[in-house]
Amino acid sequence: MATSTHAHNENVTVKGARFRGEETKPSFKTTELVVYVVAVIGVLVASYAVGDGAANNGADYFAADKAWWYVTLLTIGYMISRGLAKAGSRSSDVDPRTH
């Protein structure tokens, strides 16, 4: 029969050891998301509000395709921002499906 010669001490403290939580918050808790949503709404409202002015000649200076292009750029910027925020962060998730 094998016996263990190591003492088990549950209350060991290591000097200088720091335990940090998750480095990044979930996206719905960040100001990045709020700024992104406000910017998207601002672009869409501006596209709707800006027309041909008093000229009434049918020329739309801020057409829908341009507005959606800016929304796409905002989305890419937001995704890069979240990716950089999460790069190098450790997860304390214990779900075995995510490993």
Foldseek 3Di string as FASTA:
>chain_A
DDDDPDDDDPPDDDPPDDDDAWQDDPPVPDVLVVVLVVVLVVLVVVQVPAQPPPVPPGDGPRHPVNSVVVNVVSVVVSVVVVVVSNVPIDHPDPDPVVD
